[in-house]
């Protein structure tokens, strides 16, 4: 588990990160988002050991990494939003160079490089020059580079930036594979719907502090303090509304032509009973589910409508 405790980063009189607290569970894909200038990239660079915190601590497990930045860098793989590639190198030469910077023995490098290129689907390009790769391939190569020392935690700053839809899908599948392998991934992105789809948790930073953290559903409940149930059906909406009005746990019914949504205040058993009553009334229910909202709505509400 990565834990940031009371983390502060100041540049002169300006406070970029202000006593920030954040907990990232092991094995999670954690989405980290915030408006421009909120301190997101600064925080990620401190996580990666590239910036020294003004105050506070970064714990990886039980170890305070702020006291040992070299150990921190050995445990973390970092992929910045803007990265350099050496165009006059072949893919395998590029990977070998970075393996050398982590003092990986030469005898072990080929097996490690071959395995990583297979994970990011670049085995067929191992003898190609880096400058011949597409942008999506270069992104995947940089991801492989960040994995060369087998880190426990990956920090990826805008890894899908500038990619076409197909390349973004490929990147998303690779991240899911890394999670299966036991890696913890922290990822920032301005493409909020995709981030919500792939992440197990999200954290939203605003003005240098974490404004909220949790699953999209948990955060939505915190913000609205309500459970909103959406029902889609093939029947007369008034018939459905009449049944719902008889339920003491149902409030604020909103009726449309082929669907109804309502605020629910009760137990899971009572929610199941509502569905049972609709079915017993021969209502053809097409879907019956809690409305989760979306990350864009949450982001706008938490940050006061600031741009990402």
Protein backbone atom coordinates (compact mmCIF):
# COMPACT_ATOMS: atom_id res chain seq x y z
CA UNK A 1 0.00 0.00 0.00
CA UNK A 2 1.23 3.48 -0.88
CA UNK A 3 0.31 6.14 1.65
CA UNK A 4 0.97 9.86 1.42
CA UNK A 5 0.78 11.51 4.82
CA UNK A 6 0.54 15.27 5.26
CA UNK A 7 2.52 15.80 2.07
CA UNK A 8 3.58 19.38 1.29
CA UNK A 9 5.45 20.88 -1.66
CA UNK A 10 6.28 24.58 -1.72
CA UNK A 11 7.99 26.70 -4.33
CA UNK A 12 8.94 29.85 -2.46
CA UNK A 13 5.73 31.33 -1.11
CA UNK A 14 3.56 29.19 -3.40
CA UNK A 15 2.14 25.94 -2.01
CA UNK A 16 1.61 23.45 -4.83
CA UNK A 17 0.66 20.51 -2.58
CA UNK A 18 -0.96 21.38 0.74
CA UNK A 19 -0.88 18.74 3.53
CA UNK A 20 -2.18 16.06 1.19
CA UNK A 21 -3.35 12.66 2.42
CA UNK A 22 -3.84 9.75 -0.01
CA UNK A 23 -3.98 5.97 0.34
CA UNK A 24 -3.55 3.68 -2.68
CA UNK A 25 -4.35 -0.02 -2.02
CA UNK A 26 -2.12 -2.80 -3.28
CA UNK A 27 -3.22 -4.29 -6.60
CA UNK A 28 -5.48 -1.38 -7.50
CA UNK A 29 -5.68 0.68 -10.67
CA UNK A 30 -5.99 4.11 -9.11
CA UNK A 31 -7.15 7.07 -11.18
CA UNK A 32 -5.69 10.40 -10.08
CA UNK A 33 -7.30 13.50 -11.59
CA UNK A 34 -7.49 17.20 -10.96
CA UNK A 35 -7.83 20.59 -12.66
CA UNK A 36 -4.86 22.27 -14.29
CA UNK A 37 -2.55 23.58 -11.57
CA UNK A 38 -4.13 21.51 -8.81
CA UNK A 39 -0.84 19.81 -7.87
CA UNK A 40 -1.47 16.46 -9.57
CA UNK A 41 1.78 16.16 -11.54
CA UNK A 42 3.81 17.54 -8.61
CA UNK A 43 2.29 14.89 -6.35
CA UNK A 44 3.02 12.12 -8.85
CA UNK A 45 6.63 13.23 -9.18
CA UNK A 46 7.03 13.14 -5.39
CA UNK A 47 5.51 9.64 -5.40
CA UNK A 48 8.13 8.63 -7.96
CA UNK A 49 11.00 10.10 -5.95
CA UNK A 50 11.77 12.75 -8.58
CA UNK A 51 10.85 15.68 -6.32
CA UNK A 52 11.69 16.06 -2.67
CA UNK A 53 8.71 16.92 -0.47
CA UNK A 54 8.91 20.10 1.61
CA UNK A 55 7.19 18.25 4.43
CA UNK A 56 5.28 15.04 5.06
CA UNK A 57 5.96 11.37 4.39
CA UNK A 58 5.52 8.76 1.67
CA UNK A 59 5.10 5.23 2.98
CA UNK A 60 5.32 2.14 0.81
CA UNK A 61 4.14 -0.60 3.12
CA UNK A 62 5.77 0.15 6.47
CA UNK A 63 8.82 1.90 5.00
CA UNK A 64 9.10 5.70 4.97
CA UNK A 65 10.39 6.32 1.47
CA UNK A 66 11.03 10.03 2.04
CA UNK A 67 14.02 8.95 4.10
CA UNK A 68 15.31 6.65 1.35
CA UNK A 69 14.52 8.06 -2.12
CA UNK A 70 16.88 5.59 -3.79
CA UNK A 71 14.85 2.67 -2.41
CA UNK A 72 11.65 4.45 -3.50
CA UNK A 73 12.88 4.69 -7.10
CA UNK A 74 13.75 0.98 -7.09
CA UNK A 75 10.18 0.08 -6.10
CA UNK A 76 8.39 2.44 -8.50
CA UNK A 77 8.19 2.69 -12.27
CA UNK A 78 7.39 6.16 -13.62
CA UNK A 79 6.11 7.12 -17.05
CA UNK A 80 5.94 10.93 -17.44
CA UNK A 81 3.44 12.79 -19.59
CA UNK A 82 6.28 13.94 -21.85
CA UNK A 83 9.10 11.50 -22.37
CA UNK A 84 12.19 11.18 -24.50
CA UNK A 85 13.06 8.34 -26.82
CA UNK A 86 16.40 7.81 -28.51
CA UNK A 87 15.48 7.64 -32.18
CA UNK A 88 18.82 6.26 -33.37
CA UNK A 89 18.48 3.16 -31.19
CA UNK A 90 16.69 -0.08 -31.98
CA UNK A 91 13.92 -1.13 -29.60
CA UNK A 92 16.07 -3.80 -27.91
CA UNK A 93 19.00 -1.36 -27.61
CA UNK A 94 16.72 1.21 -26.01
CA UNK A 95 15.47 -1.32 -23.47
CA UNK A 96 19.01 -2.58 -22.81
CA UNK A 97 20.16 0.98 -22.08
CA UNK A 98 17.51 1.40 -19.37
CA UNK A 99 18.18 -2.06 -17.95
CA UNK A 100 21.79 -0.94 -17.55
CA UNK A 101 20.77 2.19 -15.64
CA UNK A 102 19.09 -0.10 -13.08
CA UNK A 103 22.27 -2.21 -12.88
CA UNK A 104 20.51 -5.33 -14.15
CA UNK A 105 23.21 -7.94 -14.98
CA UNK A 106 23.86 -8.20 -18.71
CA UNK A 107 23.23 -11.97 -18.64
CA UNK A 108 19.65 -11.39 -17.42
CA UNK A 109 18.65 -8.55 -19.72
CA UNK A 110 17.61 -10.43 -22.86
CA UNK A 111 15.04 -12.57 -21.05
CA UNK A 112 13.64 -9.55 -19.20
CA UNK A 113 13.45 -7.44 -22.37
CA UNK A 114 11.84 -10.22 -24.41
CA UNK A 115 9.21 -10.74 -21.73
CA UNK A 116 8.38 -7.03 -21.44
CA UNK A 117 8.14 -6.54 -25.20
CA UNK A 118 5.71 -9.45 -25.30
CA UNK A 119 3.58 -7.87 -22.55
CA UNK A 120 3.30 -4.58 -24.49
CA UNK A 121 2.91 -6.38 -27.83
CA UNK A 122 6.12 -5.11 -29.39
CA UNK A 123 7.99 -8.38 -29.89
CA UNK A 124 7.60 -8.02 -33.66
CA UNK A 125 9.29 -4.60 -33.48
CA UNK A 126 12.31 -5.50 -31.35
CA UNK A 127 14.78 -4.89 -34.20
CA UNK A 128 13.02 -1.74 -35.46
CA UNK A 129 14.42 1.72 -34.84
CA UNK A 130 12.53 3.72 -32.25
CA UNK A 131 11.88 6.61 -34.66
CA UNK A 132 10.02 4.23 -36.99
CA UNK A 133 7.39 3.41 -34.35
CA UNK A 134 3.93 4.93 -34.24
CA UNK A 135 3.02 7.15 -31.28
CA UNK A 136 1.03 4.31 -29.70
CA UNK A 137 4.00 1.96 -30.04
CA UNK A 138 6.32 4.55 -28.50
CA UNK A 139 3.92 4.88 -25.56
CA UNK A 140 3.94 1.12 -25.06
CA UNK A 141 7.73 1.04 -25.34
CA UNK A 142 8.01 3.67 -22.61
CA UNK A 143 5.65 1.62 -20.47
CA UNK A 144 7.92 -1.41 -20.97
CA UNK A 145 10.88 0.78 -20.02
CA UNK A 146 9.21 1.72 -16.73
CA UNK A 147 8.80 -2.00 -15.94
CA UNK A 148 12.38 -3.05 -16.64
CA UNK A 149 13.36 -3.23 -12.93
CA UNK A 150 10.13 -5.08 -11.96
CA UNK A 151 8.65 -2.33 -9.73
CA UNK A 152 5.76 -2.95 -7.34
CA UNK A 153 4.05 0.32 -8.26
CA UNK A 154 3.60 2.06 -11.62
CA UNK A 155 2.93 5.78 -11.89
CA UNK A 156 1.67 6.75 -15.33
CA UNK A 157 1.07 10.42 -16.12
CA UNK A 158 -1.31 10.74 -19.11
CA UNK A 159 -0.24 7.45 -20.79
CA UNK A 160 -3.05 7.69 -23.38
CA UNK A 161 -2.32 11.29 -24.35
CA UNK A 162 -2.47 11.78 -28.11
CA UNK A 163 -3.41 8.19 -28.85
CA UNK A 164 -6.13 7.18 -31.30
CA UNK A 165 -9.08 5.08 -29.99
CA UNK A 166 -7.52 1.75 -31.01
CA UNK A 167 -4.22 2.57 -29.29
CA UNK A 168 -6.09 3.64 -26.13
CA UNK A 169 -7.92 0.30 -26.06
CA UNK A 170 -4.58 -1.52 -26.40
CA UNK A 171 -3.10 0.52 -23.55
CA UNK A 172 -6.12 -0.20 -21.36
CA UNK A 173 -5.79 -3.96 -21.94
CA UNK A 174 -2.10 -3.84 -21.02
CA UNK A 175 -2.89 -2.05 -17.75
CA UNK A 176 -5.48 -4.68 -16.85
CA UNK A 177 -2.89 -7.37 -17.55
CA UNK A 178 -0.40 -5.64 -15.26
CA UNK A 179 -3.00 -5.58 -12.49
CA UNK A 180 -3.50 -9.33 -12.90
CA UNK A 181 0.29 -9.67 -12.52
CA UNK A 182 0.00 -8.00 -9.10
CA UNK A 183 1.16 -4.50 -10.02
CA UNK A 184 -0.38 -1.43 -8.43
CA UNK A 185 -1.01 1.29 -11.02
CA UNK A 186 -1.57 5.01 -10.46
CA UNK A 187 -2.77 6.65 -13.64
CA UNK A 188 -3.78 10.18 -14.54
CA UNK A 189 -5.80 11.01 -17.62
CA UNK A 190 -8.02 13.76 -18.97
CA UNK A 191 -10.24 11.11 -20.62
CA UNK A 192 -12.49 10.65 -17.59
CA UNK A 193 -15.01 8.08 -18.94
CA UNK A 194 -12.19 5.68 -19.86
CA UNK A 195 -10.47 6.28 -16.55
CA UNK A 196 -13.65 5.46 -14.62
CA UNK A 197 -14.10 2.28 -16.66
CA UNK A 198 -10.65 0.85 -15.93
CA UNK A 199 -9.96 2.10 -12.39
CA UNK A 200 -10.89 0.35 -9.16
CA UNK A 201 -10.68 3.67 -7.29
CA UNK A 202 -10.23 7.35 -8.11
CA UNK A 203 -8.86 10.31 -6.21
CA UNK A 204 -9.60 13.92 -7.14
CA UNK A 205 -7.10 16.61 -6.17
CA UNK A 206 -8.06 20.27 -6.02
CA UNK A 207 -5.96 23.22 -4.80
CA UNK A 208 -3.23 20.90 -3.57
CA UNK A 209 -5.51 18.72 -1.44
CA UNK A 210 -7.40 15.48 -2.06
CA UNK A 211 -11.03 16.54 -2.41
CA UNK A 212 -12.41 12.99 -2.46
CA UNK A 213 -11.33 9.36 -2.89
CA UNK A 214 -13.12 6.06 -3.47
CA UNK A 215 -14.99 4.17 -6.16
CA UNK A 216 -17.16 6.21 -8.51
CA UNK A 217 -20.26 4.79 -6.80
CA UNK A 218 -18.98 5.59 -3.29
CA UNK A 219 -18.11 9.16 -4.22
CA UNK A 220 -21.43 9.70 -5.93
CA UNK A 221 -23.26 8.54 -2.79
CA UNK A 222 -21.15 10.87 -0.63
CA UNK A 223 -21.98 13.83 -2.86
CA UNK A 224 -25.70 13.20 -3.28
CA UNK A 225 -26.37 11.40 0.03
CA UNK A 226 -28.94 9.44 -1.99
CA UNK A 227 -29.31 6.10 -3.75
CA UNK A 228 -30.97 6.64 -7.09
CA UNK A 229 -32.52 3.56 -8.73
CA UNK A 230 -33.25 3.54 -12.45
CA UNK A 231 -35.89 1.17 -13.87
CA UNK A 232 -36.41 0.59 -17.58
CA UNK A 233 -39.46 -1.39 -18.71
CA UNK A 234 -41.98 -2.15 -21.44
CA UNK A 235 -45.24 -1.01 -19.83
CA UNK A 236 -47.31 2.03 -19.00
CA UNK A 237 -45.19 4.37 -16.84
CA UNK A 238 -48.17 5.31 -14.71
CA UNK A 239 -48.68 1.66 -13.75
CA UNK A 240 -45.10 1.43 -12.56
CA UNK A 241 -45.34 4.72 -10.67
CA UNK A 242 -48.50 3.58 -8.91
CA UNK A 243 -46.73 0.47 -7.59
CA UNK A 244 -43.68 2.46 -6.48
CA UNK A 245 -45.80 5.02 -4.64
CA UNK A 246 -47.00 2.25 -2.34
CA UNK A 247 -43.44 1.49 -1.20
CA UNK A 248 -42.39 3.38 1.97
CA UNK A 249 -38.70 3.27 0.98
CA UNK A 250 -39.34 4.99 -2.38
CA UNK A 251 -39.12 8.78 -2.68
CA UNK A 252 -38.82 11.44 -5.38
CA UNK A 253 -40.15 9.41 -8.31
CA UNK A 254 -39.30 10.82 -11.75
CA UNK A 255 -41.41 9.35 -14.53
CA UNK A 256 -40.57 9.21 -18.24
CA UNK A 257 -42.07 7.23 -21.14
CA UNK A 258 -40.21 3.94 -20.81
CA UNK A 259 -38.28 4.41 -17.59
CA UNK A 260 -38.59 5.67 -14.05
CA UNK A 261 -36.01 6.67 -11.49
CA UNK A 262 -36.49 7.14 -7.78
CA UNK A 263 -34.60 7.79 -4.58
CA UNK A 264 -34.35 4.66 -2.44
CA UNK A 265 -33.87 4.70 1.33
CA UNK A 266 -33.87 1.16 2.67
CA UNK A 267 -32.09 -2.18 2.90
CA UNK A 268 -30.97 -4.46 0.07
CA UNK A 269 -33.81 -6.84 0.97
CA UNK A 270 -36.35 -4.01 0.58
CA UNK A 271 -34.82 -3.05 -2.76
CA UNK A 272 -35.13 -6.65 -3.94
CA UNK A 273 -38.76 -6.63 -2.81
CA UNK A 274 -39.52 -3.63 -5.03
CA UNK A 275 -38.27 -5.52 -8.07
CA UNK A 276 -40.28 -8.57 -6.96
CA UNK A 277 -43.48 -6.48 -6.74
CA UNK A 278 -42.95 -5.12 -10.25
CA UNK A 279 -42.43 -8.60 -11.67
CA UNK A 280 -45.47 -9.97 -9.80
CA UNK A 281 -47.52 -7.17 -11.39
CA UNK A 282 -46.44 -8.51 -14.81
CA UNK A 283 -44.30 -5.46 -15.57
CA UNK A 284 -41.74 -6.42 -18.26
CA UNK A 285 -38.64 -5.02 -16.50
CA UNK A 286 -35.70 -4.55 -18.86
CA UNK A 287 -33.26 -3.18 -16.27
CA UNK A 288 -33.30 -2.37 -12.57
CA UNK A 289 -30.09 -0.83 -11.26
CA UNK A 290 -28.56 1.85 -9.12
CA UNK A 291 -27.55 4.95 -11.01
CA UNK A 292 -23.84 5.45 -10.46
CA UNK A 293 -23.43 8.83 -12.10
CA UNK A 294 -20.15 9.35 -13.93
CA UNK A 295 -16.69 10.65 -13.20
CA UNK A 296 -17.20 13.80 -15.25
CA UNK A 297 -20.21 14.82 -13.13
CA UNK A 298 -18.29 14.07 -9.94
CA UNK A 299 -15.24 15.99 -11.14
CA UNK A 300 -17.25 19.09 -12.01
CA UNK A 301 -19.08 19.03 -8.68
CA UNK A 302 -15.97 18.46 -6.54
CA UNK A 303 -13.78 21.02 -8.32
CA UNK A 304 -16.43 23.68 -8.83
CA UNK A 305 -16.46 23.30 -12.59
CA UNK A 306 -12.73 23.87 -13.18
CA UNK A 307 -11.19 22.49 -16.35
CA UNK A 308 -9.03 19.40 -16.23
